[in-house]
Amino acid sequence: MTGIHGNSEERFGDTPLTFGMTRYQNCSDAQDTMWRFHVSRYIGRDRLIQVELSPAEMRKAARYLERAADTIETDGGRKPKPAAA
């Protein structure tokens, strides 16, 4: 893969970690495209971890994070879930 055709990074909250997506495309074959998800320290720095994930895997990770947030909000199911804002 050559050429980075798209990149976005975002920091959430007061943390030095940034989360981003980078799109790679083979310049000789426009159909050959790959997205990588990465976590790094500070925007624009070296990656701590970089993985290739399918859309299904990304959705699975998002569902896991949603369940983890619910667990924290309800203290593992010991108190009612807060009303949606």
N, C-alpha and C. Protein backbone atom coordinates (compact mmCIF):
# COMPACT_ATOMS: atom_id res chain seq x y z
N MET A 1 0.84 -1.18 0.00
CA MET A 1 0.00 0.00 0.00
C MET A 1 0.89 1.25 0.00
N THR A 2 0.51 2.17 -0.78
CA THR A 2 1.23 3.44 -0.82
C THR A 2 0.24 4.57 -0.71
N GLY A 3 0.73 5.69 -0.33
CA GLY A 3 -0.08 6.90 -0.32
C GLY A 3 -1.19 6.90 0.71
N ILE A 4 -1.17 7.84 1.61
CA ILE A 4 -2.23 8.02 2.57
C ILE A 4 -3.23 8.99 1.95
N HIS A 5 -4.47 8.54 1.80
CA HIS A 5 -5.48 9.36 1.14
C HIS A 5 -6.43 10.03 2.11
N GLY A 6 -6.37 9.69 3.37
CA GLY A 6 -7.24 10.33 4.34
C GLY A 6 -6.76 10.01 5.74
N ASN A 7 -6.92 10.95 6.63
CA ASN A 7 -6.47 10.73 8.00
C ASN A 7 -7.29 11.62 8.91
N SER A 8 -7.73 11.08 10.01
CA SER A 8 -8.41 11.89 11.02
C SER A 8 -8.01 11.37 12.39
N GLU A 9 -7.83 12.28 13.30
CA GLU A 9 -7.49 11.93 14.68
C GLU A 9 -8.31 12.79 15.63
N GLU A 10 -8.64 12.21 16.78
CA GLU A 10 -9.39 12.96 17.76
C GLU A 10 -8.97 12.54 19.15
N ARG A 11 -8.94 13.52 20.03
CA ARG A 11 -8.62 13.26 21.43
C ARG A 11 -9.92 13.40 22.21
N PHE A 12 -10.16 12.48 23.12
CA PHE A 12 -11.38 12.50 23.92
C PHE A 12 -11.03 12.83 25.36
N GLY A 13 -11.64 13.87 25.89
CA GLY A 13 -11.42 14.22 27.29
C GLY A 13 -10.02 14.74 27.52
N ASP A 14 -9.61 14.73 28.78
CA ASP A 14 -8.31 15.25 29.18
C ASP A 14 -7.31 14.10 29.26
N THR A 15 -7.03 13.51 28.13
CA THR A 15 -6.11 12.39 28.07
C THR A 15 -5.10 12.61 26.95
N PRO A 16 -3.90 12.11 27.08
CA PRO A 16 -2.93 12.27 26.00
C PRO A 16 -3.17 11.31 24.84
N LEU A 17 -4.15 10.38 24.97
CA LEU A 17 -4.38 9.41 23.90
C LEU A 17 -5.26 9.99 22.81
N THR A 18 -4.90 9.72 21.58
CA THR A 18 -5.73 10.11 20.44
C THR A 18 -6.11 8.84 19.69
N PHE A 19 -7.26 8.90 19.07
CA PHE A 19 -7.78 7.78 18.30
C PHE A 19 -7.95 8.27 16.87
N GLY A 20 -7.58 7.45 15.92
CA GLY A 20 -7.66 7.91 14.54
C GLY A 20 -7.88 6.79 13.55
N MET A 21 -8.23 7.21 12.34
CA MET A 21 -8.42 6.31 11.21
C MET A 21 -7.59 6.85 10.06
N THR A 22 -6.90 5.97 9.38
CA THR A 22 -6.12 6.34 8.21
C THR A 22 -6.52 5.45 7.06
N ARG A 23 -6.74 6.05 5.90
CA ARG A 23 -7.11 5.31 4.69
C ARG A 23 -5.88 5.19 3.79
N TYR A 24 -5.55 3.97 3.44
CA TYR A 24 -4.45 3.70 2.52
C TYR A 24 -5.03 3.18 1.22
N GLN A 25 -4.44 3.57 0.12
CA GLN A 25 -4.92 3.10 -1.17
C GLN A 25 -3.73 2.82 -2.07
N ASN A 26 -3.80 1.71 -2.76
CA ASN A 26 -2.78 1.38 -3.73
C ASN A 26 -3.00 2.27 -4.95
N CYS A 27 -2.05 3.12 -5.24
CA CYS A 27 -2.21 4.10 -6.32
C CYS A 27 -2.42 3.45 -7.68
N SER A 28 -1.94 2.24 -7.86
CA SER A 28 -2.10 1.59 -9.16
C SER A 28 -3.43 0.85 -9.26
N ASP A 29 -4.14 0.68 -8.14
CA ASP A 29 -5.42 -0.03 -8.14
C ASP A 29 -6.37 0.66 -7.17
N ALA A 30 -7.26 1.48 -7.70
CA ALA A 30 -8.17 2.27 -6.85
C ALA A 30 -9.10 1.38 -6.02
N GLN A 31 -9.27 0.12 -6.43
CA GLN A 31 -10.13 -0.79 -5.67
C GLN A 31 -9.42 -1.35 -4.44
N ASP A 32 -8.12 -1.24 -4.40
CA ASP A 32 -7.33 -1.79 -3.30
C ASP A 32 -7.19 -0.73 -2.20
N THR A 33 -8.14 -0.72 -1.28
CA THR A 33 -8.17 0.29 -0.22
C THR A 33 -8.18 -0.41 1.14
N MET A 34 -7.53 0.19 2.11
CA MET A 34 -7.48 -0.37 3.45
C MET A 34 -7.60 0.76 4.46
N TRP A 35 -8.35 0.54 5.52
CA TRP A 35 -8.46 1.49 6.63
C TRP A 35 -7.76 0.90 7.84
N ARG A 36 -7.04 1.74 8.54
CA ARG A 36 -6.40 1.31 9.79
C ARG A 36 -6.86 2.21 10.93
N PHE A 37 -7.18 1.59 12.05
CA PHE A 37 -7.54 2.29 13.27
C PHE A 37 -6.27 2.36 14.11
N HIS A 38 -6.00 3.52 14.71
CA HIS A 38 -4.80 3.62 15.52
C HIS A 38 -5.03 4.43 16.79
N VAL A 39 -4.22 4.12 17.76
CA VAL A 39 -4.19 4.85 19.03
C VAL A 39 -2.77 5.38 19.18
N SER A 40 -2.65 6.64 19.52
CA SER A 40 -1.32 7.21 19.70
C SER A 40 -1.31 8.17 20.88
N ARG A 41 -0.13 8.52 21.29
CA ARG A 41 0.03 9.52 22.34
C ARG A 41 0.17 10.86 21.64
N TYR A 42 -0.78 11.71 21.88
CA TYR A 42 -0.79 13.05 21.30
C TYR A 42 -1.01 12.99 19.78
N ILE A 43 -1.66 13.98 19.25
CA ILE A 43 -1.98 14.02 17.83
C ILE A 43 -0.70 14.15 17.01
N GLY A 44 -0.61 13.33 15.97
CA GLY A 44 0.52 13.39 15.06
C GLY A 44 1.76 12.67 15.52
N ARG A 45 1.70 11.96 16.63
CA ARG A 45 2.88 11.24 17.13
C ARG A 45 2.87 9.78 16.67
N ASP A 46 3.94 9.07 17.01
CA ASP A 46 4.05 7.65 16.66
C ASP A 46 2.89 6.87 17.27
N ARG A 47 2.45 5.86 16.55
CA ARG A 47 1.32 5.03 16.99
C ARG A 47 1.74 4.12 18.14
N LEU A 48 0.86 3.99 19.13
CA LEU A 48 1.06 3.00 20.18
C LEU A 48 0.59 1.64 19.68
N ILE A 49 -0.53 1.69 18.96
CA ILE A 49 -1.08 0.46 18.37
C ILE A 49 -1.77 0.85 17.07
N GLN A 50 -1.69 -0.03 16.10
CA GLN A 50 -2.34 0.20 14.81
C GLN A 50 -2.86 -1.13 14.32
N VAL A 51 -4.17 -1.21 14.02
CA VAL A 51 -4.77 -2.46 13.58
C VAL A 51 -5.68 -2.21 12.39
N GLU A 52 -5.80 -3.23 11.56
CA GLU A 52 -6.74 -3.20 10.46
C GLU A 52 -8.02 -3.86 10.96
N LEU A 53 -9.14 -3.16 10.88
CA LEU A 53 -10.41 -3.69 11.35
C LEU A 53 -11.45 -3.58 10.24
N SER A 54 -12.29 -4.59 10.16
CA SER A 54 -13.40 -4.52 9.22
C SER A 54 -14.50 -3.67 9.85
N PRO A 55 -15.45 -3.18 9.05
CA PRO A 55 -16.57 -2.44 9.63
C PRO A 55 -17.30 -3.25 10.71
N ALA A 56 -17.46 -4.55 10.49
CA ALA A 56 -18.13 -5.39 11.49
C ALA A 56 -17.34 -5.42 12.80
N GLU A 57 -16.02 -5.49 12.71
CA GLU A 57 -15.18 -5.50 13.92
C GLU A 57 -15.25 -4.15 14.64
N MET A 58 -15.29 -3.06 13.87
CA MET A 58 -15.42 -1.73 14.48
C MET A 58 -16.75 -1.61 15.21
N ARG A 59 -17.83 -2.11 14.61
CA ARG A 59 -19.14 -2.07 15.27
C ARG A 59 -19.14 -2.92 16.53
N LYS A 60 -18.47 -4.06 16.50
CA LYS A 60 -18.37 -4.91 17.67
C LYS A 60 -17.63 -4.18 18.79
N ALA A 61 -16.56 -3.49 18.45
CA ALA A 61 -15.81 -2.71 19.45
C ALA A 61 -16.69 -1.60 20.01
N ALA A 62 -17.47 -0.94 19.16
CA ALA A 62 -18.36 0.14 19.63
C ALA A 62 -19.41 -0.42 20.58
N ARG A 63 -19.97 -1.59 20.27
CA ARG A 63 -20.96 -2.21 21.17
C ARG A 63 -20.32 -2.56 22.50
N TYR A 64 -19.08 -3.07 22.47
CA TYR A 64 -18.39 -3.39 23.71
C TYR A 64 -18.21 -2.14 24.57
N LEU A 65 -17.77 -1.04 23.95
CA LEU A 65 -17.58 0.20 24.69
C LEU A 65 -18.90 0.72 25.26
N GLU A 66 -19.98 0.57 24.52
CA GLU A 66 -21.30 0.99 25.01
C GLU A 66 -21.70 0.16 26.23
N ARG A 67 -21.48 -1.15 26.17
CA ARG A 67 -21.79 -2.01 27.33
C ARG A 67 -20.89 -1.67 28.52
N ALA A 68 -19.63 -1.36 28.25
CA ALA A 68 -18.72 -0.99 29.33
C ALA A 68 -19.18 0.29 30.01
N ALA A 69 -19.63 1.28 29.22
CA ALA A 69 -20.14 2.52 29.80
C ALA A 69 -21.38 2.26 30.63
N ASP A 70 -22.28 1.38 30.14
CA ASP A 70 -23.48 1.02 30.91
C ASP A 70 -23.10 0.37 32.23
N THR A 71 -22.11 -0.50 32.20
CA THR A 71 -21.66 -1.17 33.42
C THR A 71 -21.16 -0.17 34.45
N ILE A 72 -20.38 0.81 33.98
CA ILE A 72 -19.87 1.83 34.90
C ILE A 72 -21.01 2.66 35.46
N GLU A 73 -21.95 3.08 34.59
CA GLU A 73 -23.06 3.94 35.04
C GLU A 73 -23.98 3.24 36.01
N THR A 74 -24.12 1.92 35.88
CA THR A 74 -25.05 1.20 36.76
C THR A 74 -24.33 0.43 37.86
N ASP A 75 -23.03 0.66 38.00
CA ASP A 75 -22.22 -0.05 38.99
C ASP A 75 -22.43 -1.57 38.84
N GLY A 76 -22.29 -2.04 37.63
CA GLY A 76 -22.42 -3.47 37.36
C GLY A 76 -23.83 -3.97 37.51
N GLY A 77 -24.82 -3.11 37.29
CA GLY A 77 -26.21 -3.51 37.39
C GLY A 77 -26.80 -3.34 38.78
N ARG A 78 -26.07 -2.73 39.71
CA ARG A 78 -26.55 -2.57 41.08
C ARG A 78 -27.39 -1.31 41.28
N LYS A 79 -27.41 -0.41 40.32
CA LYS A 79 -28.28 0.77 40.42
C LYS A 79 -28.92 1.03 39.06
N PRO A 80 -30.02 1.78 39.03
CA PRO A 80 -30.73 2.01 37.76
C PRO A 80 -29.87 2.77 36.75
N LYS A 81 -30.13 2.46 35.49
CA LYS A 81 -29.43 3.15 34.41
C LYS A 81 -29.96 4.58 34.34
N PRO A 82 -29.07 5.57 34.23
CA PRO A 82 -29.53 6.97 34.14
C PRO A 82 -30.39 7.19 32.89
N ALA A 83 -31.32 8.12 32.99
CA ALA A 83 -32.16 8.46 31.85
C ALA A 83 -31.33 9.07 30.75
N ALA A 84 -31.72 8.80 29.51
CA ALA A 84 -31.00 9.36 28.37
C ALA A 84 -31.16 10.87 28.32
N ALA A 85 -30.09 11.56 27.93
CA ALA A 85 -30.14 13.03 27.89
C ALA A 85 -30.84 13.55 26.69
